[in-house]
Amino acid sequence: MSLLDYFRSSAKPTANIAKERLQIIVAHERKQRHGPDYLPQLKQDILEVIRRYVSISEDQVSVQLEQKEDDLSVLELNVALPEERSA
């Protein structure tokens, strides 16, 4: 094994990695585009209500709408609340 072969074998197929990442981004964008128009406002409203009681940032709230069947939609809400401090 020559020294040049050692460096050639460690080269990663960056084109394939970039393609996979792009496919993930495109799939995520398509999912966002097909969501209802009220979803971002719903997230803001929920965030405002939670902030009345707990200090949280916007990235701690996730709202997603999933179409299960023709007549069934599931609204998923995830809120990462801060840990409770003992007195």
PDB file of N, CA and C in Angstrom:
ATOM      1  N   MET A   1       0.848  -1.178   0.000  1.00  0.00           N
ATOM      2  CA  MET A   1       0.000   0.000   0.000  1.00  0.00           C
ATOM      3  C   MET A   1       0.886   1.232   0.000  1.00  0.00           C
ATOM      4  N   SER A   2       0.677   2.057  -0.975  1.00  0.00           N
ATOM      5  CA  SER A   2       1.487   3.260  -1.063  1.00  0.00           C
ATOM      6  C   SER A   2       0.851   4.374  -0.237  1.00  0.00           C
ATOM      7  N   LEU A   3       1.595   5.404  -0.052  1.00  0.00           N
ATOM      8  CA  LEU A   3       1.127   6.550   0.722  1.00  0.00           C
ATOM      9  C   LEU A   3      -0.049   7.247   0.017  1.00  0.00           C
ATOM     10  N   LEU A   4      -0.028   7.307  -1.298  1.00  0.00           N
ATOM     11  CA  LEU A   4      -1.121   7.932  -2.041  1.00  0.00           C
ATOM     12  C   LEU A   4      -2.418   7.137  -1.924  1.00  0.00           C
ATOM     13  N   ASP A   5      -2.327   5.816  -1.906  1.00  0.00           N
ATOM     14  CA  ASP A   5      -3.521   4.989  -1.743  1.00  0.00           C
ATOM     15  C   ASP A   5      -4.184   5.235  -0.394  1.00  0.00           C
ATOM     16  N   TYR A   6      -3.404   5.501   0.608  1.00  0.00           N
ATOM     17  CA  TYR A   6      -3.937   5.767   1.941  1.00  0.00           C
ATOM     18  C   TYR A   6      -4.815   7.025   1.925  1.00  0.00           C
ATOM     19  N   PHE A   7      -4.363   8.069   1.281  1.00  0.00           N
ATOM     20  CA  PHE A   7      -5.126   9.304   1.240  1.00  0.00           C
ATOM     21  C   PHE A   7      -6.341   9.206   0.314  1.00  0.00           C
ATOM     22  N   ARG A   8      -6.259   8.438  -0.737  1.00  0.00           N
ATOM     23  CA  ARG A   8      -7.383   8.271  -1.649  1.00  0.00           C
ATOM     24  C   ARG A   8      -8.519   7.488  -1.008  1.00  0.00           C
ATOM     25  N   SER A   9      -8.208   6.522  -0.186  1.00  0.00           N
ATOM     26  CA  SER A   9      -9.244   5.685   0.414  1.00  0.00           C
ATOM     27  C   SER A   9     -10.039   6.439   1.478  1.00  0.00           C
ATOM     28  N   SER A  10      -9.476   7.486   2.040  1.00  0.00           N
ATOM     29  CA  SER A  10     -10.184   8.206   3.086  1.00  0.00           C
ATOM     30  C   SER A  10     -11.106   9.291   2.535  1.00  0.00           C
ATOM     31  N   ALA A  11     -11.096   9.495   1.222  1.00  0.00           N
ATOM     32  CA  ALA A  11     -11.958  10.511   0.631  1.00  0.00           C
ATOM     33  C   ALA A  11     -13.416  10.072   0.737  1.00  0.00           C
ATOM     34  N   LYS A  12     -14.271  10.957   1.210  1.00  0.00           N
ATOM     35  CA  LYS A  12     -15.685  10.640   1.373  1.00  0.00           C
ATOM     36  C   LYS A  12     -16.439  11.061   0.113  1.00  0.00           C
ATOM     37  N   PRO A  13     -17.468  10.329  -0.233  1.00  0.00           N
ATOM     38  CA  PRO A  13     -18.270  10.707  -1.402  1.00  0.00           C
ATOM     39  C   PRO A  13     -19.156  11.910  -1.056  1.00  0.00           C
ATOM     40  N   THR A  14     -18.580  13.088  -1.100  1.00  0.00           N
ATOM     41  CA  THR A  14     -19.295  14.284  -0.668  1.00  0.00           C
ATOM     42  C   THR A  14     -20.509  14.578  -1.532  1.00  0.00           C
ATOM     43  N   ALA A  15     -20.483  14.199  -2.775  1.00  0.00           N
ATOM     44  CA  ALA A  15     -21.646  14.439  -3.637  1.00  0.00           C
ATOM     45  C   ALA A  15     -22.849  13.643  -3.129  1.00  0.00           C
ATOM     46  N   ASN A  16     -22.636  12.407  -2.711  1.00  0.00           N
ATOM     47  CA  ASN A  16     -23.728  11.588  -2.191  1.00  0.00           C
ATOM     48  C   ASN A  16     -24.259  12.140  -0.872  1.00  0.00           C
ATOM     49  N   ILE A  17     -23.374  12.599  -0.019  1.00  0.00           N
ATOM     50  CA  ILE A  17     -23.783  13.174   1.261  1.00  0.00           C
ATOM     51  C   ILE A  17     -24.587  14.449   1.017  1.00  0.00           C
ATOM     52  N   ALA A  18     -24.135  15.283   0.124  1.00  0.00           N
ATOM     53  CA  ALA A  18     -24.840  16.523  -0.197  1.00  0.00           C
ATOM     54  C   ALA A  18     -26.217  16.222  -0.796  1.00  0.00           C
ATOM     55  N   LYS A  19     -26.294  15.211  -1.631  1.00  0.00           N
ATOM     56  CA  LYS A  19     -27.567  14.830  -2.240  1.00  0.00           C
ATOM     57  C   LYS A  19     -28.561  14.354  -1.184  1.00  0.00           C
ATOM     58  N   GLU A  20     -28.103  13.548  -0.242  1.00  0.00           N
ATOM     59  CA  GLU A  20     -28.975  13.067   0.828  1.00  0.00           C
ATOM     60  C   GLU A  20     -29.473  14.217   1.695  1.00  0.00           C
ATOM     61  N   ARG A  21     -28.590  15.135   2.027  1.00  0.00           N
ATOM     62  CA  ARG A  21     -28.993  16.290   2.837  1.00  0.00           C
ATOM     63  C   ARG A  21     -30.004  17.159   2.102  1.00  0.00           C
ATOM     64  N   LEU A  22     -29.794  17.350   0.823  1.00  0.00           N
ATOM     65  CA  LEU A  22     -30.723  18.146   0.025  1.00  0.00           C
ATOM     66  C   LEU A  22     -32.093  17.474  -0.043  1.00  0.00           C
ATOM     67  N   GLN A  23     -32.123  16.160  -0.161  1.00  0.00           N
ATOM     68  CA  GLN A  23     -33.386  15.443  -0.197  1.00  0.00           C
ATOM     69  C   GLN A  23     -34.146  15.604   1.112  1.00  0.00           C
ATOM     70  N   ILE A  24     -33.437  15.603   2.225  1.00  0.00           N
ATOM     71  CA  ILE A  24     -34.067  15.799   3.532  1.00  0.00           C
ATOM     72  C   ILE A  24     -34.655  17.204   3.628  1.00  0.00           C
ATOM     73  N   ILE A  25     -33.905  18.192   3.183  1.00  0.00           N
ATOM     74  CA  ILE A  25     -34.378  19.582   3.233  1.00  0.00           C
ATOM     75  C   ILE A  25     -35.600  19.767   2.347  1.00  0.00           C
ATOM     76  N   VAL A  26     -35.571  19.214   1.145  1.00  0.00           N
ATOM     77  CA  VAL A  26     -36.700  19.350   0.216  1.00  0.00           C
ATOM     78  C   VAL A  26     -37.942  18.664   0.785  1.00  0.00           C
ATOM     79  N   ALA A  27     -37.782  17.494   1.380  1.00  0.00           N
ATOM     80  CA  ALA A  27     -38.919  16.789   1.975  1.00  0.00           C
ATOM     81  C   ALA A  27     -39.510  17.597   3.126  1.00  0.00           C
ATOM     82  N   HIS A  28     -38.664  18.219   3.921  1.00  0.00           N
ATOM     83  CA  HIS A  28     -39.132  19.038   5.039  1.00  0.00           C
ATOM     84  C   HIS A  28     -39.901  20.260   4.528  1.00  0.00           C
ATOM     85  N   GLU A  29     -39.380  20.909   3.496  1.00  0.00           N
ATOM     86  CA  GLU A  29     -40.039  22.085   2.925  1.00  0.00           C
ATOM     87  C   GLU A  29     -41.387  21.722   2.313  1.00  0.00           C
ATOM     88  N   ARG A  30     -41.473  20.586   1.648  1.00  0.00           N
ATOM     89  CA  ARG A  30     -42.745  20.151   1.064  1.00  0.00           C
ATOM     90  C   ARG A  30     -43.784  19.909   2.153  1.00  0.00           C
ATOM     91  N   LYS A  31     -43.345  19.332   3.244  1.00  0.00           N
ATOM     92  CA  LYS A  31     -44.249  19.065   4.352  1.00  0.00           C
ATOM     93  C   LYS A  31     -44.772  20.377   4.930  1.00  0.00           C
ATOM     94  N   GLN A  32     -43.902  21.365   5.069  1.00  0.00           N
ATOM     95  CA  GLN A  32     -44.296  22.666   5.600  1.00  0.00           C
ATOM     96  C   GLN A  32     -45.266  23.377   4.656  1.00  0.00           C
ATOM     97  N   ARG A  33     -45.048  23.271   3.365  1.00  0.00           N
ATOM     98  CA  ARG A  33     -45.843  23.987   2.374  1.00  0.00           C
ATOM     99  C   ARG A  33     -47.287  23.504   2.334  1.00  0.00           C
ATOM    100  N   HIS A  34     -47.514  22.216   2.600  1.00  0.00           N
ATOM    101  CA  HIS A  34     -48.853  21.655   2.511  1.00  0.00           C
ATOM    102  C   HIS A  34     -49.643  21.810   3.804  1.00  0.00           C
ATOM    103  N   GLY A  35     -49.069  22.446   4.802  1.00  0.00           N
ATOM    104  CA  GLY A  35     -49.767  22.668   6.055  1.00  0.00           C
ATOM    105  C   GLY A  35     -50.753  23.811   5.937  1.00  0.00           C
ATOM    106  N   PRO A  36     -51.709  23.874   6.856  1.00  0.00           N
ATOM    107  CA  PRO A  36     -52.694  24.964   6.809  1.00  0.00           C
ATOM    108  C   PRO A  36     -52.067  26.304   7.144  1.00  0.00           C
ATOM    109  N   ASP A  37     -52.712  27.369   6.683  1.00  0.00           N
ATOM    110  CA  ASP A  37     -52.187  28.719   6.880  1.00  0.00           C
ATOM    111  C   ASP A  37     -52.228  29.166   8.334  1.00  0.00           C
ATOM    112  N   TYR A  38     -53.129  28.611   9.116  1.00  0.00           N
ATOM    113  CA  TYR A  38     -53.281  29.053  10.498  1.00  0.00           C
ATOM    114  C   TYR A  38     -52.258  28.444  11.459  1.00  0.00           C
ATOM    115  N   LEU A  39     -51.479  27.480  11.021  1.00  0.00           N
ATOM    116  CA  LEU A  39     -50.563  26.784  11.920  1.00  0.00           C
ATOM    117  C   LEU A  39     -49.516  27.701  12.557  1.00  0.00           C
ATOM    118  N   PRO A  40     -48.849  28.601  11.830  1.00  0.00           N
ATOM    119  CA  PRO A  40     -47.885  29.494  12.494  1.00  0.00           C
ATOM    120  C   PRO A  40     -48.536  30.407  13.532  1.00  0.00           C
ATOM    121  N   GLN A  41     -49.732  30.910  13.244  1.00  0.00           N
ATOM    122  CA  GLN A  41     -50.423  31.762  14.221  1.00  0.00           C
ATOM    123  C   GLN A  41     -50.861  30.954  15.432  1.00  0.00           C
ATOM    124  N   LEU A  42     -51.279  29.720  15.211  1.00  0.00           N
ATOM    125  CA  LEU A  42     -51.659  28.846  16.315  1.00  0.00           C
ATOM    126  C   LEU A  42     -50.472  28.629  17.244  1.00  0.00           C
ATOM    127  N   LYS A  43     -49.302  28.406  16.661  1.00  0.00           N
ATOM    128  CA  LYS A  43     -48.095  28.223  17.465  1.00  0.00           C
ATOM    129  C   LYS A  43     -47.806  29.475  18.295  1.00  0.00           C
ATOM    130  N   GLN A  44     -47.940  30.655  17.705  1.00  0.00           N
ATOM    131  CA  GLN A  44     -47.698  31.901  18.435  1.00  0.00           C
ATOM    132  C   GLN A  44     -48.702  32.085  19.570  1.00  0.00           C
ATOM    133  N   ASP A  45     -49.956  31.775  19.325  1.00  0.00           N
ATOM    134  CA  ASP A  45     -50.977  31.899  20.363  1.00  0.00           C
ATOM    135  C   ASP A  45     -50.705  30.958  21.533  1.00  0.00           C
ATOM    136  N   ILE A  46     -50.341  29.731  21.218  1.00  0.00           N
ATOM    137  CA  ILE A  46     -50.017  28.758  22.266  1.00  0.00           C
ATOM    138  C   ILE A  46     -48.804  29.221  23.054  1.00  0.00           C
ATOM    139  N   LEU A  47     -47.812  29.744  22.369  1.00  0.00           N
ATOM    140  CA  LEU A  47     -46.603  30.239  23.024  1.00  0.00           C
ATOM    141  C   LEU A  47     -46.933  31.390  23.977  1.00  0.00           C
ATOM    142  N   GLU A  48     -47.797  32.304  23.565  1.00  0.00           N
ATOM    143  CA  GLU A  48     -48.182  33.423  24.427  1.00  0.00           C
ATOM    144  C   GLU A  48     -48.901  32.950  25.690  1.00  0.00           C
ATOM    145  N   VAL A  49     -49.770  31.962  25.549  1.00  0.00           N
ATOM    146  CA  VAL A  49     -50.488  31.438  26.717  1.00  0.00           C
ATOM    147  C   VAL A  49     -49.522  30.766  27.683  1.00  0.00           C
ATOM    148  N   ILE A  50     -48.603  29.980  27.174  1.00  0.00           N
ATOM    149  CA  ILE A  50     -47.646  29.290  28.037  1.00  0.00           C
ATOM    150  C   ILE A  50     -46.732  30.289  28.732  1.00  0.00           C
ATOM    151  N   ARG A  51     -46.375  31.360  28.036  1.00  0.00           N
ATOM    152  CA  ARG A  51     -45.491  32.375  28.621  1.00  0.00           C
ATOM    153  C   ARG A  51     -46.134  33.123  29.784  1.00  0.00           C
ATOM    154  N   ARG A  52     -47.444  33.055  29.916  1.00  0.00           N
ATOM    155  CA  ARG A  52     -48.101  33.653  31.078  1.00  0.00           C
ATOM    156  C   ARG A  52     -47.694  32.958  32.365  1.00  0.00           C
ATOM    157  N   TYR A  53     -47.310  31.683  32.245  1.00  0.00           N
ATOM    158  CA  TYR A  53     -47.008  30.880  33.415  1.00  0.00           C
ATOM    159  C   TYR A  53     -45.537  30.483  33.528  1.00  0.00           C
ATOM    160  N   VAL A  54     -44.881  30.305  32.375  1.00  0.00           N
ATOM    161  CA  VAL A  54     -43.509  29.804  32.351  1.00  0.00           C
ATOM    162  C   VAL A  54     -42.724  30.565  31.295  1.00  0.00           C
ATOM    163  N   SER A  55     -41.473  30.846  31.596  1.00  0.00           N
ATOM    164  CA  SER A  55     -40.615  31.514  30.623  1.00  0.00           C
ATOM    165  C   SER A  55     -40.006  30.468  29.680  1.00  0.00           C
ATOM    166  N   ILE A  56     -40.436  30.504  28.406  1.00  0.00           N
ATOM    167  CA  ILE A  56     -39.903  29.576  27.404  1.00  0.00           C
ATOM    168  C   ILE A  56     -39.625  30.340  26.116  1.00  0.00           C
ATOM    169  N   SER A  57     -38.779  29.760  25.289  1.00  0.00           N
ATOM    170  CA  SER A  57     -38.469  30.376  23.995  1.00  0.00           C
ATOM    171  C   SER A  57     -39.300  29.705  22.897  1.00  0.00           C
ATOM    172  N   GLU A  58     -39.297  30.330  21.740  1.00  0.00           N
ATOM    173  CA  GLU A  58     -40.109  29.837  20.632  1.00  0.00           C
ATOM    174  C   GLU A  58     -39.672  28.457  20.148  1.00  0.00           C
ATOM    175  N   ASP A  59     -38.396  28.161  20.235  1.00  0.00           N
ATOM    176  CA  ASP A  59     -37.921  26.864  19.749  1.00  0.00           C
ATOM    177  C   ASP A  59     -38.280  25.714  20.686  1.00  0.00           C
ATOM    178  N   GLN A  60     -38.872  26.011  21.834  1.00  0.00           N
ATOM    179  CA  GLN A  60     -39.300  24.964  22.760  1.00  0.00           C
ATOM    180  C   GLN A  60     -40.725  24.492  22.490  1.00  0.00           C
ATOM    181  N   VAL A  61     -41.386  25.099  21.500  1.00  0.00           N
ATOM    182  CA  VAL A  61     -42.746  24.718  21.138  1.00  0.00           C
ATOM    183  C   VAL A  61     -42.752  24.239  19.694  1.00  0.00           C
ATOM    184  N   SER A  62     -43.309  23.064  19.484  1.00  0.00           N
ATOM    185  CA  SER A  62     -43.408  22.497  18.141  1.00  0.00           C
ATOM    186  C   SER A  62     -44.859  22.124  17.879  1.00  0.00           C
ATOM    187  N   VAL A  63     -45.416  22.622  16.768  1.00  0.00           N
ATOM    188  CA  VAL A  63     -46.786  22.314  16.378  1.00  0.00           C
ATOM    189  C   VAL A  63     -46.744  21.703  14.984  1.00  0.00           C
ATOM    190  N   GLN A  64     -47.351  20.516  14.843  1.00  0.00           N
ATOM    191  CA  GLN A  64     -47.378  19.843  13.548  1.00  0.00           C
ATOM    192  C   GLN A  64     -48.769  19.283  13.297  1.00  0.00           C
ATOM    193  N   LEU A  65     -49.177  19.344  12.052  1.00  0.00           N
ATOM    194  CA  LEU A  65     -50.452  18.775  11.644  1.00  0.00           C
ATOM    195  C   LEU A  65     -50.166  17.625  10.694  1.00  0.00           C
ATOM    196  N   GLU A  66     -50.709  16.463  11.009  1.00  0.00           N
ATOM    197  CA  GLU A  66     -50.446  15.274  10.200  1.00  0.00           C
ATOM    198  C   GLU A  66     -51.757  14.739   9.641  1.00  0.00           C
ATOM    199  N   GLN A  67     -51.794  14.516   8.340  1.00  0.00           N
ATOM    200  CA  GLN A  67     -52.972  13.955   7.686  1.00  0.00           C
ATOM    201  C   GLN A  67     -52.859  12.435   7.734  1.00  0.00           C
ATOM    202  N   LYS A  68     -53.723  11.787   8.473  1.00  0.00           N
ATOM    203  CA  LYS A  68     -53.701  10.324   8.587  1.00  0.00           C
ATOM    204  C   LYS A  68     -54.480   9.679   7.445  1.00  0.00           C
ATOM    205  N   GLU A  69     -55.694  10.123   7.251  1.00  0.00           N
ATOM    206  CA  GLU A  69     -56.551   9.596   6.193  1.00  0.00           C
ATOM    207  C   GLU A  69     -57.272  10.766   5.557  1.00  0.00           C
ATOM    208  N   ASP A  70     -58.193  10.484   4.664  1.00  0.00           N
ATOM    209  CA  ASP A  70     -58.908  11.559   3.981  1.00  0.00           C
ATOM    210  C   ASP A  70     -59.658  12.468   4.940  1.00  0.00           C
ATOM    211  N   ASP A  71     -60.266  11.911   5.960  1.00  0.00           N
ATOM    212  CA  ASP A  71     -61.084  12.701   6.868  1.00  0.00           C
ATOM    213  C   ASP A  71     -60.510  12.795   8.279  1.00  0.00           C
ATOM    214  N   LEU A  72     -59.236  12.443   8.466  1.00  0.00           N
ATOM    215  CA  LEU A  72     -58.642  12.440   9.799  1.00  0.00           C
ATOM    216  C   LEU A  72     -57.343  13.236   9.801  1.00  0.00           C
ATOM    217  N   SER A  73     -57.278  14.233  10.675  1.00  0.00           N
ATOM    218  CA  SER A  73     -56.074  15.030  10.855  1.00  0.00           C
ATOM    219  C   SER A  73     -55.671  14.957  12.323  1.00  0.00           C
ATOM    220  N   VAL A  74     -54.368  14.914  12.575  1.00  0.00           N
ATOM    221  CA  VAL A  74     -53.859  14.859  13.944  1.00  0.00           C
ATOM    222  C   VAL A  74     -52.976  16.075  14.170  1.00  0.00           C
ATOM    223  N   LEU A  75     -53.322  16.850  15.190  1.00  0.00           N
ATOM    224  CA  LEU A  75     -52.531  18.009  15.579  1.00  0.00           C
ATOM    225  C   LEU A  75     -51.623  17.582  16.719  1.00  0.00           C
ATOM    226  N   GLU A  76     -50.315  17.700  16.494  1.00  0.00           N
ATOM    227  CA  GLU A  76     -49.332  17.292  17.508  1.00  0.00           C
ATOM    228  C   GLU A  76     -48.668  18.540  18.070  1.00  0.00           C
ATOM    229  N   LEU A  77     -48.689  18.660  19.385  1.00  0.00           N
ATOM    230  CA  LEU A  77     -48.103  19.799  20.078  1.00  0.00           C
ATOM    231  C   LEU A  77     -47.079  19.285  21.072  1.00  0.00           C
ATOM    232  N   ASN A  78     -45.836  19.736  20.927  1.00  0.00           N
ATOM    233  CA  ASN A  78     -44.763  19.368  21.853  1.00  0.00           C
ATOM    234  C   ASN A  78     -44.220  20.630  22.493  1.00  0.00           C
ATOM    235  N   VAL A  79     -44.189  20.646  23.816  1.00  0.00           N
ATOM    236  CA  VAL A  79     -43.688  21.781  24.567  1.00  0.00           C
ATOM    237  C   VAL A  79     -42.620  21.280  25.525  1.00  0.00           C
ATOM    238  N   ALA A  80     -41.424  21.835  25.393  1.00  0.00           N
ATOM    239  CA  ALA A  80     -40.332  21.482  26.314  1.00  0.00           C
ATOM    240  C   ALA A  80     -40.334  22.502  27.444  1.00  0.00           C
ATOM    241  N   LEU A  81     -40.884  22.098  28.573  1.00  0.00           N
ATOM    242  CA  LEU A  81     -40.965  22.989  29.721  1.00  0.00           C
ATOM    243  C   LEU A  81     -39.668  22.926  30.522  1.00  0.00           C
ATOM    244  N   PRO A  82     -39.292  24.041  31.147  1.00  0.00           N
ATOM    245  CA  PRO A  82     -38.092  24.026  31.977  1.00  0.00           C
ATOM    246  C   PRO A  82     -38.313  23.165  33.220  1.00  0.00           C
ATOM    247  N   GLU A  83     -37.233  22.647  33.752  1.00  0.00           N
ATOM    248  CA  GLU A  83     -37.345  21.823  34.947  1.00  0.00           C
ATOM    249  C   GLU A  83     -37.782  22.669  36.130  1.00  0.00           C
ATOM    250  N   GLU A  84     -38.568  22.058  36.990  1.00  0.00           N
ATOM    251  CA  GLU A  84     -39.077  22.781  38.141  1.00  0.00           C
ATOM    252  C   GLU A  84     -37.984  22.880  39.196  1.00  0.00           C
ATOM    253  N   ARG A  85     -37.795  24.084  39.701  1.00  0.00           N
ATOM    254  CA  ARG A  85     -36.776  24.301  40.737  1.00  0.00           C
ATOM    255  C   ARG A  85     -37.405  24.083  42.107  1.00  0.00           C
ATOM    256  N   SER A  86     -36.668  23.410  42.972  1.00  0.00           N
ATOM    257  CA  SER A  86     -37.194  23.193  44.332  1.00  0.00           C
ATOM    258  C   SER A  86     -36.885  24.409  45.198  1.00  0.00           C
ATOM    259  N   ALA A  87     -37.802  24.721  46.084  1.00  0.00           N
ATOM    260  CA  ALA A  87     -37.694  25.924  46.921  1.00  0.00           C
ATOM    261  C   ALA A  87     -36.727  25.774  48.045  1.00  0.00           C
TER     262      ALA A  87
END
